[in-house]
Amino acid sequence: MKADLIIKNGKCILMNHNKDIVHWIAVKDGKIIDIGYGEEYKSLIDINTVIKDAGGNSVIPGFIDSHFHVVLTALNIASIDLSRVKSFDEIGEMIKEAAGLNPGIHIRGIHLQVEQLMEKRFPTRTELDKYCNTSPVSLHSSDYQVSILNTCGMLYFKIPFMADGVELDEKEIPNGIFKRYANAILYSNTLKNVNDDFRKEVVANIMNKLLSYGITTLHAMEGGRMGGSVMYDPDSEFIYKYAKNYPVDMTLFYPTIDIEKIKKMGLKRIGGVIYIDGTLGERTAALTFDYGDAPGQRGIMCMAQEDINEFVLKCYKNKLQLSLFTLGDRAVEAALIAHEYAFERTGISGLRHRLEHIEIINSDQIERASKLGILFSMQPSYEAYWGAPGGMYEQRLGKYYGNSNKLREIEDKGVIICAGSDSDVTEPNPILGIHSAVNHPIKKHRLTVLEALKAYTYNGAYAIFEENNKGTLEIGKVADIVILNGDIMKINADEIINLKIVTTIKSGEILYNVGMDEKC
């Protein structure tokens, strides 16, 4: 048998349990047919074999992003990026520019970080009106838990003024800032104007970007609604119908509590963005201690314990893999109580249930999760965004700063970490995630390079029952392969962020390539 593709002269990190590194990989019909050392590959070459020289650099399995919002990421490409703005005036100038280019068209801004603003608060609708009062404007916080509309936007999106999360001014009139359920309604109303043809177009537009980051598989989390139950999510419906049309594999976690719906769709998993609590940025993550910058506040719980217990029990009985949004330790506790309740009543294990985000957790909870076989879907890049001294984590956590994303302890206690970006809350770049895990601001929470790589490869496959098909570079597995421009095992830890993807191979086909190939 001759190979279709051979990658030679590489430091191929197989990511299997033996931690082997080989020199070459041979691919035929989309699968790995052989691996080895030296020049043993030469017997597999014929005139049609494509040869890729890795140049002595790292060759690894295709990256798996375990928490990704596909349609939202795609739609946001056309939005104004507010991640670097420092004041209302900077926001206003960007809005005015956009309004001038497309008069009367909805203007959408994303990634607004209130901590960076000199005003230290979100602008109100009347403040936005000063910059634009003829087009609907919607701005969204970096974690998408807060939206701000100008007056035109409030009329355009028709948000019920009595909905939970509508902020009022001193005259008891909505000030344009929407949180919780009101924010969820805004998101739903926005999606009503998006048809599947447009979704197809924008999702296709991000594929090359994902491949340039080495992503070959992602776990699609899609919508969700804080403060309300999702029965129908148009973005999830889109992924369900059309995911196979794209080069990157997508595994859907449908964010609904409607178990019968999931069964009728033939899906094996449920959740992803079923909110148990909120986020640290908006002080809605449920904590067992007061927020450092808001004494007396400990966040919110979106579901009562008895409701969580009942839902989790139903998932066990129906043998559905469940993923719950649990960011704070109080939410984690509620989820663990529900899983213990369900396990005691069913004895069912092995479903690889997951908790998403897990930013704040204690040692006892980690041990209990390990005993239950629960996986943690985490976003190491959060530390790069918010974990540095003086950053959002320190502001929110106060004296408890340093207890976020305890990767080392979680790894040491045997909980499997599958890592993702939460795109586009953070950049969908696994190299950034690996860098963040290895260079966690708190040294005792750091992972090794190999552990971080595993979180973005094998563990991501294991988390969706695909470990026998992908996630490692082994004979018989799908040829999802990434070549870097350096040796990730030898480069200085603080330089990992500088690594780039040279080649991304999906099912044996080179889909992204900035190097040259040879043909014999």
Protein backbone atom coordinates (compact mmCIF):
# COMPACT_ATOMS: atom_id res chain seq x y z
CA MET A 1 0.00 0.00 0.00
CA LYS A 2 1.30 3.42 -0.98
CA ALA A 3 0.53 6.57 0.95
CA ASP A 4 -1.44 9.56 -0.31
CA LEU A 5 0.44 11.85 2.06
CA ILE A 6 3.58 11.56 4.14
CA ILE A 7 4.69 14.02 6.79
CA LYS A 8 8.42 13.61 7.31
CA ASN A 9 11.16 15.16 9.41
CA GLY A 10 8.77 15.98 12.21
CA LYS A 11 8.62 15.70 15.96
CA CYS A 12 5.27 13.96 15.89
CA ILE A 13 3.69 14.07 19.33
CA LEU A 14 1.28 11.14 19.23
CA MET A 15 -0.60 12.15 22.40
CA ASN A 16 -1.18 8.49 23.22
CA HIS A 17 -0.66 6.96 26.62
CA ASN A 18 2.95 6.06 25.80
CA LYS A 19 3.84 9.72 25.17
CA ASP A 20 5.75 8.65 22.06
CA ILE A 21 7.33 11.03 19.56
CA VAL A 22 8.03 9.69 16.06
CA HIS A 23 9.58 11.20 12.92
CA TRP A 24 6.98 10.58 10.23
CA ILE A 25 3.32 9.82 9.58
CA ALA A 26 1.80 8.19 6.48
CA VAL A 27 -1.81 8.80 5.42
CA LYS A 28 -4.07 6.89 3.01
CA ASP A 29 -7.78 7.45 2.29
CA GLY A 30 -8.10 9.95 5.12
CA LYS A 31 -6.59 7.76 7.83
CA ILE A 32 -3.18 7.21 9.35
CA ILE A 33 -1.73 3.97 7.96
CA ASP A 34 1.74 4.02 9.48
CA ILE A 35 4.13 5.95 11.71
CA GLY A 36 7.82 5.55 12.35
CA TYR A 37 11.37 6.76 12.66
CA GLY A 38 14.16 7.81 10.31
CA GLU A 39 13.48 7.18 6.63
CA GLU A 40 11.39 4.02 6.92
CA TYR A 41 8.56 5.83 5.12
CA LYS A 42 10.30 5.62 1.72
CA SER A 43 8.75 2.26 0.89
CA LEU A 44 5.30 3.90 1.07
CA ILE A 45 6.06 6.49 -1.62
CA ASP A 46 4.92 6.40 -5.24
CA ILE A 47 4.55 9.04 -7.96
CA ASN A 48 1.28 10.34 -6.50
CA THR A 49 2.40 10.67 -2.87
CA VAL A 50 2.45 14.18 -1.48
CA ILE A 51 5.33 14.73 0.93
CA LYS A 52 5.19 17.36 3.60
CA ASP A 53 8.47 18.27 5.31
CA ALA A 54 7.77 19.38 8.89
CA GLY A 55 11.23 20.90 9.17
CA GLY A 56 11.95 19.35 12.55
CA ASN A 57 8.92 21.06 14.09
CA SER A 58 6.04 19.73 16.17
CA VAL A 59 3.37 17.63 14.48
CA ILE A 60 0.29 17.11 16.65
CA PRO A 61 -3.32 15.91 16.40
CA GLY A 62 -5.83 18.44 15.09
CA PHE A 63 -7.06 20.70 17.85
CA ILE A 64 -10.49 20.14 19.40
CA ASP A 65 -12.23 23.21 20.81
CA SER A 66 -14.59 21.88 23.47
CA HIS A 67 -16.76 24.98 23.95
CA PHE A 68 -17.56 26.98 20.84
CA HIS A 69 -20.50 29.15 19.73
CA VAL A 70 -20.35 28.65 15.98
CA VAL A 71 -23.10 30.88 14.61
CA LEU A 72 -22.51 33.67 17.11
CA THR A 73 -18.81 33.69 16.23
CA ALA A 74 -19.65 33.84 12.55
CA LEU A 75 -22.25 36.59 12.93
CA ASN A 76 -19.91 38.69 15.04
CA ILE A 77 -17.32 38.98 12.28
CA ALA A 78 -19.42 41.81 10.85
CA SER A 79 -19.72 43.59 14.21
CA ILE A 80 -17.68 46.46 15.70
CA ASP A 81 -14.93 45.17 17.99
CA LEU A 82 -15.02 47.22 21.20
CA SER A 83 -12.44 45.17 23.09
CA ARG A 84 -9.89 47.99 23.17
CA VAL A 85 -12.09 51.06 23.75
CA LYS A 86 -11.34 53.14 26.84
CA SER A 87 -14.20 55.64 26.95
CA PHE A 88 -17.72 56.47 25.81
CA ASP A 89 -16.25 58.89 23.29
CA GLU A 90 -14.24 56.11 21.64
CA ILE A 91 -17.38 53.98 21.47
CA GLY A 92 -19.27 56.91 20.00
CA GLU A 93 -16.72 57.58 17.27
CA MET A 94 -16.89 53.94 16.14
CA ILE A 95 -20.69 54.04 16.12
CA LYS A 96 -20.72 57.27 14.10
CA GLU A 97 -18.32 55.80 11.56
CA ALA A 98 -20.46 52.67 11.15
CA ALA A 99 -23.66 54.75 10.85
CA GLY A 100 -22.04 56.84 8.12
CA LEU A 101 -21.11 53.76 6.11
CA ASN A 102 -24.56 52.13 6.37
CA PRO A 103 -27.24 54.70 7.27
CA GLY A 104 -30.29 53.24 8.99
CA ILE A 105 -28.77 49.75 9.31
CA HIS A 106 -28.46 47.99 12.68
CA ILE A 107 -25.07 48.71 14.26
CA ARG A 108 -23.75 45.96 16.53
CA GLY A 109 -20.75 46.28 18.86
CA ILE A 110 -19.19 43.37 20.75
CA HIS A 111 -16.56 42.61 23.41
CA LEU A 112 -17.22 45.71 25.51
CA GLN A 113 -15.29 45.48 28.81
CA VAL A 114 -16.61 47.83 31.44
CA GLU A 115 -13.41 47.54 33.51
CA GLN A 116 -11.47 49.22 30.70
CA LEU A 117 -13.77 52.24 30.43
CA MET A 118 -12.68 55.41 32.19
CA GLU A 119 -16.33 55.86 33.22
CA LYS A 120 -16.30 52.42 34.93
CA ARG A 121 -19.89 51.75 33.87
CA PHE A 122 -21.89 50.97 30.74
CA PRO A 123 -23.28 53.86 28.68
CA THR A 124 -27.05 54.45 28.76
CA ARG A 125 -29.35 54.81 25.77
CA THR A 126 -29.39 58.61 26.02
CA GLU A 127 -25.58 58.67 25.98
CA LEU A 128 -25.55 56.47 22.88
CA ASP A 129 -28.20 58.68 21.27
CA LYS A 130 -25.68 61.54 21.26
CA TYR A 131 -23.63 59.60 18.72
CA CYS A 132 -26.41 57.94 16.74
CA ASN A 133 -30.19 58.37 16.99
CA THR A 134 -31.19 57.32 13.47
CA SER A 135 -30.03 53.69 13.44
CA PRO A 136 -30.63 50.90 15.95
CA VAL A 137 -27.49 50.35 18.03
CA SER A 138 -26.81 47.33 20.23
CA LEU A 139 -23.62 46.88 22.24
CA HIS A 140 -22.70 43.66 24.02
CA SER A 141 -20.35 42.95 26.91
CA SER A 142 -17.41 40.62 26.44
CA ASP A 143 -19.31 37.73 28.06
CA TYR A 144 -22.58 38.59 26.25
CA GLN A 145 -24.44 38.84 29.55
CA VAL A 146 -25.18 42.57 29.16
CA SER A 147 -26.55 44.46 26.16
CA ILE A 148 -26.97 48.20 25.72
CA LEU A 149 -29.39 49.75 23.22
CA ASN A 150 -29.88 53.29 22.05
CA THR A 151 -33.47 54.58 21.90
CA CYS A 152 -33.85 53.56 18.28
CA GLY A 153 -32.58 50.09 19.19
CA MET A 154 -35.11 49.76 22.01
CA LEU A 155 -37.94 50.51 19.60
CA TYR A 156 -36.48 48.24 16.92
CA PHE A 157 -35.98 45.15 19.09
CA LYS A 158 -39.18 45.51 21.13
CA ILE A 159 -37.87 44.38 24.53
CA PRO A 160 -40.69 44.08 27.14
CA PHE A 161 -39.93 46.85 29.63
CA MET A 162 -41.18 44.74 32.53
CA ALA A 163 -38.86 41.80 31.80
CA ASP A 164 -36.35 40.76 34.46
CA GLY A 165 -33.04 42.49 33.85
CA VAL A 166 -34.31 45.79 32.39
CA GLU A 167 -32.50 48.62 34.19
CA LEU A 168 -34.48 51.78 34.96
CA ASP A 169 -33.35 55.37 35.40
CA GLU A 170 -34.39 57.74 38.19
CA LYS A 171 -37.71 58.33 36.39
CA GLU A 172 -38.43 54.58 36.27
CA ILE A 173 -37.85 54.59 32.50
CA PRO A 174 -35.62 51.91 30.86
CA ASN A 175 -32.10 53.30 30.54
CA GLY A 176 -31.09 50.99 27.69
CA ILE A 177 -29.08 48.46 29.73
CA PHE A 178 -30.42 44.90 29.62
CA LYS A 179 -29.29 41.90 31.66
CA ARG A 180 -30.46 38.36 32.47
CA TYR A 181 -33.82 37.46 30.90
CA ALA A 182 -34.19 40.79 29.09
CA ASN A 183 -30.78 40.26 27.51
CA ALA A 184 -31.85 36.77 26.43
CA ILE A 185 -34.99 38.17 24.79
CA LEU A 186 -32.83 40.66 22.89
CA TYR A 187 -30.64 37.81 21.62
CA SER A 188 -33.71 35.86 20.52
CA ASN A 189 -35.20 38.90 18.77
CA THR A 190 -31.91 39.46 16.96
CA LEU A 191 -31.93 35.88 15.65
CA LYS A 192 -35.43 36.30 14.26
CA ASN A 193 -33.93 38.50 11.56
CA VAL A 194 -31.34 35.88 10.56
CA ASN A 195 -32.27 33.16 8.06
CA ASP A 196 -30.41 29.93 7.42
CA ASP A 197 -29.07 31.09 4.06
CA PHE A 198 -27.27 33.93 5.82
CA ARG A 199 -26.07 31.54 8.55
CA LYS A 200 -24.64 29.26 5.84
CA GLU A 201 -22.74 32.17 4.36
CA VAL A 202 -21.26 33.55 7.57
CA VAL A 203 -20.34 30.13 8.99
CA ALA A 204 -18.58 29.26 5.73
CA ASN A 205 -16.64 32.51 6.05
CA ILE A 206 -15.03 31.48 9.37
CA MET A 207 -13.89 28.01 8.29
CA ASN A 208 -10.51 29.12 6.97
CA LYS A 209 -9.89 31.08 10.15
CA LEU A 210 -10.59 27.99 12.26
CA LEU A 211 -8.31 25.87 10.08
CA SER A 212 -5.58 28.52 10.37
CA TYR A 213 -5.78 27.96 14.14
CA GLY A 214 -5.47 24.21 13.66
CA ILE A 215 -9.05 23.47 14.75
CA THR A 216 -10.43 20.32 13.12
CA THR A 217 -13.26 19.53 15.58
CA LEU A 218 -15.41 21.67 17.84
CA HIS A 219 -18.17 21.17 20.37
CA ALA A 220 -21.01 23.47 19.32
CA MET A 221 -22.75 25.05 22.32
CA GLU A 222 -24.74 27.71 20.45
CA GLY A 223 -27.55 29.65 22.19
CA GLY A 224 -28.98 29.49 25.67
CA ARG A 225 -30.96 31.83 27.85
CA MET A 226 -30.19 33.04 31.34
CA GLY A 227 -33.37 33.24 33.36
CA GLY A 228 -35.49 31.23 30.96
CA SER A 229 -35.78 27.75 29.47
CA VAL A 230 -34.84 27.24 25.83
CA MET A 231 -37.12 24.89 23.93
CA TYR A 232 -36.09 25.91 20.41
CA ASP A 233 -32.72 27.40 19.50
CA PRO A 234 -32.39 28.42 15.82
CA ASP A 235 -28.58 28.32 15.91
CA SER A 236 -28.60 24.78 17.29
CA GLU A 237 -31.18 23.77 14.70
CA PHE A 238 -28.85 25.12 12.03
CA ILE A 239 -25.87 23.11 13.33
CA TYR A 240 -28.08 20.01 13.53
CA LYS A 241 -29.10 20.38 9.88
CA TYR A 242 -25.96 21.67 8.20
CA ALA A 243 -22.86 20.82 10.28
CA LYS A 244 -21.79 18.08 7.86
CA ASN A 245 -21.50 20.64 5.06
CA TYR A 246 -18.39 22.17 6.61
CA PRO A 247 -14.79 20.91 6.78
CA VAL A 248 -14.51 21.25 10.57
CA ASP A 249 -16.38 18.54 12.50
CA MET A 250 -19.09 19.89 14.82
CA THR A 251 -20.65 17.99 17.70
CA LEU A 252 -23.82 19.64 18.96
CA PHE A 253 -24.85 20.13 22.58
CA TYR A 254 -28.42 21.42 22.25
CA PRO A 255 -29.12 23.90 25.10
CA THR A 256 -32.62 22.83 26.07
CA ILE A 257 -34.36 21.12 28.98
CA ASP A 258 -36.78 19.45 26.54
CA ILE A 259 -35.50 15.87 26.77
CA GLU A 260 -38.19 14.47 24.49
CA LYS A 261 -37.13 16.89 21.76
CA ILE A 262 -33.51 15.70 22.02
CA LYS A 263 -34.60 12.06 21.84
CA LYS A 264 -36.74 12.69 18.75
CA MET A 265 -33.78 14.40 17.09
CA GLY A 266 -31.68 11.31 17.77
CA LEU A 267 -29.09 13.27 19.74
CA LYS A 268 -27.02 11.67 22.48
CA ARG A 269 -26.22 14.80 24.45
CA ILE A 270 -27.95 17.83 25.86
CA GLY A 271 -26.94 21.17 27.36
CA GLY A 272 -23.86 23.30 26.90
CA VAL A 273 -25.50 26.59 27.84
CA ILE A 274 -28.09 25.51 30.37
CA TYR A 275 -27.40 28.21 32.94
CA ILE A 276 -27.10 27.27 36.59
CA ASP A 277 -25.52 30.66 37.32
CA GLY A 278 -23.99 33.61 35.48
CA THR A 279 -20.59 35.22 35.00
CA LEU A 280 -17.97 36.89 37.16
CA GLY A 281 -17.85 39.91 34.89
CA GLU A 282 -21.47 40.77 35.70
CA ARG A 283 -21.27 39.48 39.29
CA THR A 284 -23.95 36.89 38.52
CA ALA A 285 -21.71 33.83 39.00
CA ALA A 286 -23.00 32.13 42.14
CA LEU A 287 -20.31 32.23 44.85
CA THR A 288 -20.15 31.09 48.45
CA PHE A 289 -18.47 34.39 49.38
CA ASP A 290 -19.11 38.07 48.70
CA TYR A 291 -17.75 39.74 45.60
CA GLY A 292 -14.64 41.72 46.45
CA ASP A 293 -15.96 44.85 44.74
CA ALA A 294 -19.60 44.40 45.77
CA PRO A 295 -19.99 43.45 49.46
CA GLY A 296 -23.20 41.58 50.12
CA GLN A 297 -23.51 40.27 46.56
CA ARG A 298 -22.90 36.57 45.85
CA GLY A 299 -24.37 36.18 42.37
CA ILE A 300 -27.53 34.40 41.27
CA MET A 301 -28.82 30.89 40.79
CA CYS A 302 -30.86 30.43 37.62
CA MET A 303 -32.51 27.17 38.69
CA ALA A 304 -33.79 25.88 42.01
CA GLN A 305 -32.06 22.82 43.48
CA GLU A 306 -35.13 20.61 43.14
CA ASP A 307 -35.48 21.56 39.46
CA ILE A 308 -31.81 20.79 38.80
CA ASN A 309 -32.18 17.45 40.60
CA GLU A 310 -35.21 16.50 38.54
CA PHE A 311 -33.65 17.49 35.23
CA VAL A 312 -30.34 15.72 35.90
CA LEU A 313 -32.18 12.58 37.02
CA LYS A 314 -34.15 12.54 33.76
CA CYS A 315 -30.91 12.82 31.78
CA TYR A 316 -29.48 9.83 33.66
CA LYS A 317 -32.60 7.76 33.10
CA ASN A 318 -32.58 8.59 29.39
CA LYS A 319 -28.81 8.02 29.19
CA LEU A 320 -28.14 11.46 27.76
CA GLN A 321 -24.74 13.06 28.22
CA LEU A 322 -25.41 16.31 30.08
CA SER A 323 -23.48 19.55 30.09
CA LEU A 324 -24.36 22.31 32.60
CA PHE A 325 -23.14 25.92 32.78
CA THR A 326 -21.58 26.20 36.24
CA LEU A 327 -19.10 28.99 36.79
CA GLY A 328 -19.11 29.74 40.52
CA ASP A 329 -18.59 27.31 43.40
CA ARG A 330 -22.20 27.65 44.59
CA ALA A 331 -23.45 26.63 41.14
CA VAL A 332 -20.92 23.78 41.01
CA GLU A 333 -22.22 22.56 44.36
CA ALA A 334 -25.81 22.54 43.10
CA ALA A 335 -24.79 20.56 40.02
CA LEU A 336 -22.80 18.02 42.04
CA ILE A 337 -25.69 17.53 44.47
CA ALA A 338 -27.95 16.84 41.49
CA HIS A 339 -25.50 14.35 39.95
CA GLU A 340 -25.07 12.57 43.29
CA TYR A 341 -28.86 12.47 43.64
CA ALA A 342 -29.24 10.98 40.16
CA PHE A 343 -26.44 8.45 40.56
CA GLU A 344 -27.80 7.20 43.88
CA ARG A 345 -31.18 6.56 42.26
CA THR A 346 -30.00 5.02 38.99
CA GLY A 347 -26.48 3.66 39.46
CA ILE A 348 -25.82 4.77 35.88
CA SER A 349 -22.27 5.88 35.13
CA GLY A 350 -20.03 6.29 32.11
CA LEU A 351 -22.06 9.00 30.37
CA ARG A 352 -19.19 11.49 30.67
CA HIS A 353 -21.33 14.32 31.96
CA ARG A 354 -19.70 17.75 31.90
CA LEU A 355 -19.62 21.01 33.78
CA GLU A 356 -18.82 24.08 31.69
CA HIS A 357 -16.38 26.85 32.73
CA ILE A 358 -15.67 25.89 36.39
CA GLU A 359 -13.87 29.13 37.16
CA ILE A 360 -14.33 28.91 40.93
CA ILE A 361 -14.33 25.53 42.69
CA ASN A 362 -13.09 24.06 45.97
CA SER A 363 -11.05 20.93 46.67
CA ASP A 364 -13.95 18.88 48.02
CA GLN A 365 -15.96 19.57 44.87
CA ILE A 366 -13.07 18.52 42.64
CA GLU A 367 -12.79 15.20 44.51
CA ARG A 368 -16.53 14.55 44.29
CA ALA A 369 -16.55 15.33 40.56
CA SER A 370 -13.66 12.93 40.06
CA LYS A 371 -15.55 10.13 41.84
CA LEU A 372 -18.60 10.76 39.66
CA GLY A 373 -16.52 10.72 36.46
CA ILE A 374 -17.64 14.25 35.55
CA LEU A 375 -15.51 16.11 33.02
CA PHE A 376 -14.63 19.79 33.29
CA SER A 377 -14.92 21.85 30.10
CA MET A 378 -12.66 24.83 30.82
CA GLN A 379 -11.31 27.90 29.06
CA PRO A 380 -7.66 28.53 30.03
CA SER A 381 -7.62 31.69 27.89
CA TYR A 382 -9.82 33.38 30.48
CA GLU A 383 -6.67 33.80 32.56
CA ALA A 384 -4.95 35.65 29.72
CA TYR A 385 -7.89 38.01 29.45
CA TRP A 386 -8.83 38.55 33.10
CA GLY A 387 -6.39 36.75 35.40
CA ALA A 388 -3.44 39.13 35.62
CA PRO A 389 -2.95 41.16 38.82
CA GLY A 390 -5.32 44.13 38.75
CA GLY A 391 -7.55 42.46 36.19
CA MET A 392 -11.22 41.58 36.38
CA TYR A 393 -10.64 38.42 38.45
CA GLU A 394 -8.79 40.32 41.15
CA GLN A 395 -11.44 43.06 41.19
CA ARG A 396 -14.31 40.60 41.52
CA LEU A 397 -12.68 38.06 43.84
CA GLY A 398 -10.86 40.41 46.20
CA LYS A 399 -9.08 38.40 48.89
CA TYR A 400 -10.03 35.21 47.04
CA TYR A 401 -8.02 36.24 43.99
CA GLY A 402 -5.77 33.38 42.91
CA ASN A 403 -8.48 30.74 43.20
CA SER A 404 -9.71 30.88 39.59
CA ASN A 405 -9.25 28.07 37.05
CA LYS A 406 -7.34 25.70 39.35
CA LEU A 407 -6.07 23.56 36.47
CA ARG A 408 -3.21 21.88 38.37
CA GLU A 409 -5.32 20.62 41.26
CA ILE A 410 -8.09 19.49 38.92
CA GLU A 411 -5.59 17.56 36.80
CA ASP A 412 -3.87 16.03 39.84
CA LYS A 413 -7.18 14.80 41.29
CA GLY A 414 -8.01 12.92 38.12
CA VAL A 415 -10.73 15.08 36.58
CA ILE A 416 -10.44 15.16 32.79
CA ILE A 417 -10.16 18.71 31.43
CA CYS A 418 -11.40 19.29 27.90
CA ALA A 419 -10.42 22.80 26.86
CA GLY A 420 -12.06 25.34 24.59
CA SER A 421 -12.26 29.02 23.78
CA ASP A 422 -15.91 29.92 24.44
CA SER A 423 -15.56 31.70 21.09
CA ASP A 424 -16.00 34.39 20.52
CA VAL A 425 -15.83 35.43 24.17
CA THR A 426 -12.13 34.73 23.68
CA GLU A 427 -10.16 34.28 20.47
CA PRO A 428 -10.63 30.75 19.08
CA ASN A 429 -6.90 30.04 19.16
CA PRO A 430 -5.83 26.81 20.90
CA ILE A 431 -2.23 28.06 21.00
CA LEU A 432 -3.43 30.94 23.18
CA GLY A 433 -5.26 28.44 25.38
CA ILE A 434 -2.21 26.21 25.73
CA HIS A 435 -0.02 29.22 26.48
CA SER A 436 -2.51 30.38 29.11
CA ALA A 437 -2.67 26.97 30.80
CA VAL A 438 1.12 26.67 30.94
CA ASN A 439 1.58 30.30 32.04
CA HIS A 440 -1.34 30.67 34.46
CA PRO A 441 -0.75 33.88 36.48
CA ILE A 442 -0.79 31.75 39.63
CA LYS A 443 2.10 29.30 39.34
CA LYS A 444 0.52 26.55 41.43
CA HIS A 445 -2.36 26.27 38.93
CA ARG A 446 -0.19 25.69 35.84
CA LEU A 447 -0.26 22.64 33.58
CA THR A 448 2.67 21.14 31.72
CA VAL A 449 2.84 21.60 27.96
CA LEU A 450 1.88 17.97 27.38
CA GLU A 451 -1.10 18.23 29.74
CA ALA A 452 -2.30 21.40 28.02
CA LEU A 453 -1.93 19.77 24.60
CA LYS A 454 -3.93 16.80 25.81
CA ALA A 455 -6.75 19.09 26.94
CA TYR A 456 -7.06 20.36 23.35
CA THR A 457 -6.65 16.97 21.62
CA TYR A 458 -7.28 13.58 23.24
CA ASN A 459 -9.45 14.92 26.07
CA GLY A 460 -11.64 16.79 23.62
CA ALA A 461 -12.18 13.57 21.69
CA TYR A 462 -12.84 11.60 24.86
CA ALA A 463 -15.43 14.18 25.94
CA ILE A 464 -17.60 13.27 22.91
CA PHE A 465 -16.84 9.52 22.85
CA GLU A 466 -14.53 9.92 19.84
CA GLU A 467 -11.23 8.87 21.41
CA ASN A 468 -11.05 5.73 19.25
CA ASN A 469 -11.38 7.83 16.11
CA LYS A 470 -9.41 11.04 16.73
CA GLY A 471 -7.43 13.00 19.30
CA THR A 472 -4.16 11.06 18.91
CA LEU A 473 -1.83 10.24 16.01
CA GLU A 474 -2.18 6.47 15.81
CA ILE A 475 -2.58 3.92 13.04
CA GLY A 476 -6.22 3.54 12.00
CA LYS A 477 -7.35 6.92 13.28
CA VAL A 478 -8.64 9.81 11.19
CA ALA A 479 -5.77 11.90 9.84
CA ASP A 480 -6.57 15.18 11.59
CA ILE A 481 -3.09 16.66 11.88
CA VAL A 482 -1.50 20.03 12.60
CA ILE A 483 2.08 21.13 11.89
CA LEU A 484 3.54 24.02 13.91
CA ASN A 485 6.39 26.36 12.99
CA GLY A 486 8.43 25.36 16.04
CA ASP A 487 9.03 22.70 18.68
CA ILE A 488 6.40 23.26 21.35
CA MET A 489 8.15 20.86 23.75
CA LYS A 490 11.42 22.82 23.71
CA ILE A 491 10.36 26.43 23.25
CA ASN A 492 10.38 28.63 26.37
CA ALA A 493 7.02 28.55 28.10
CA ASP A 494 6.47 32.29 27.75
CA GLU A 495 7.06 32.04 23.98
CA ILE A 496 4.38 29.43 23.22
CA ILE A 497 2.02 32.24 22.22
CA ASN A 498 4.32 33.04 19.28
CA LEU A 499 3.86 29.64 17.66
CA LYS A 500 1.87 29.54 14.42
CA ILE A 501 0.11 26.86 12.43
CA VAL A 502 1.92 25.95 9.21
CA THR A 503 -0.42 23.21 7.99
CA THR A 504 -3.83 21.86 8.99
CA ILE A 505 -4.86 18.47 7.62
CA LYS A 506 -8.47 17.28 7.98
CA SER A 507 -9.25 13.63 7.22
CA GLY A 508 -6.05 13.39 5.21
CA GLU A 509 -6.68 16.51 3.12
CA ILE A 510 -4.47 19.58 3.42
CA LEU A 511 -6.98 22.38 3.99
CA TYR A 512 -4.67 25.08 5.31
CA ASN A 513 -1.06 25.42 4.28
CA VAL A 514 1.50 28.21 4.33
CA GLY A 515 4.42 25.97 3.36
CA MET A 516 5.43 24.09 0.23
CA ASP A 517 4.68 20.44 -0.52
CA GLU A 518 6.73 18.01 -2.52
CA LYS A 519 5.42 15.38 -4.92
CA CYS A 520 7.39 12.31 -5.89
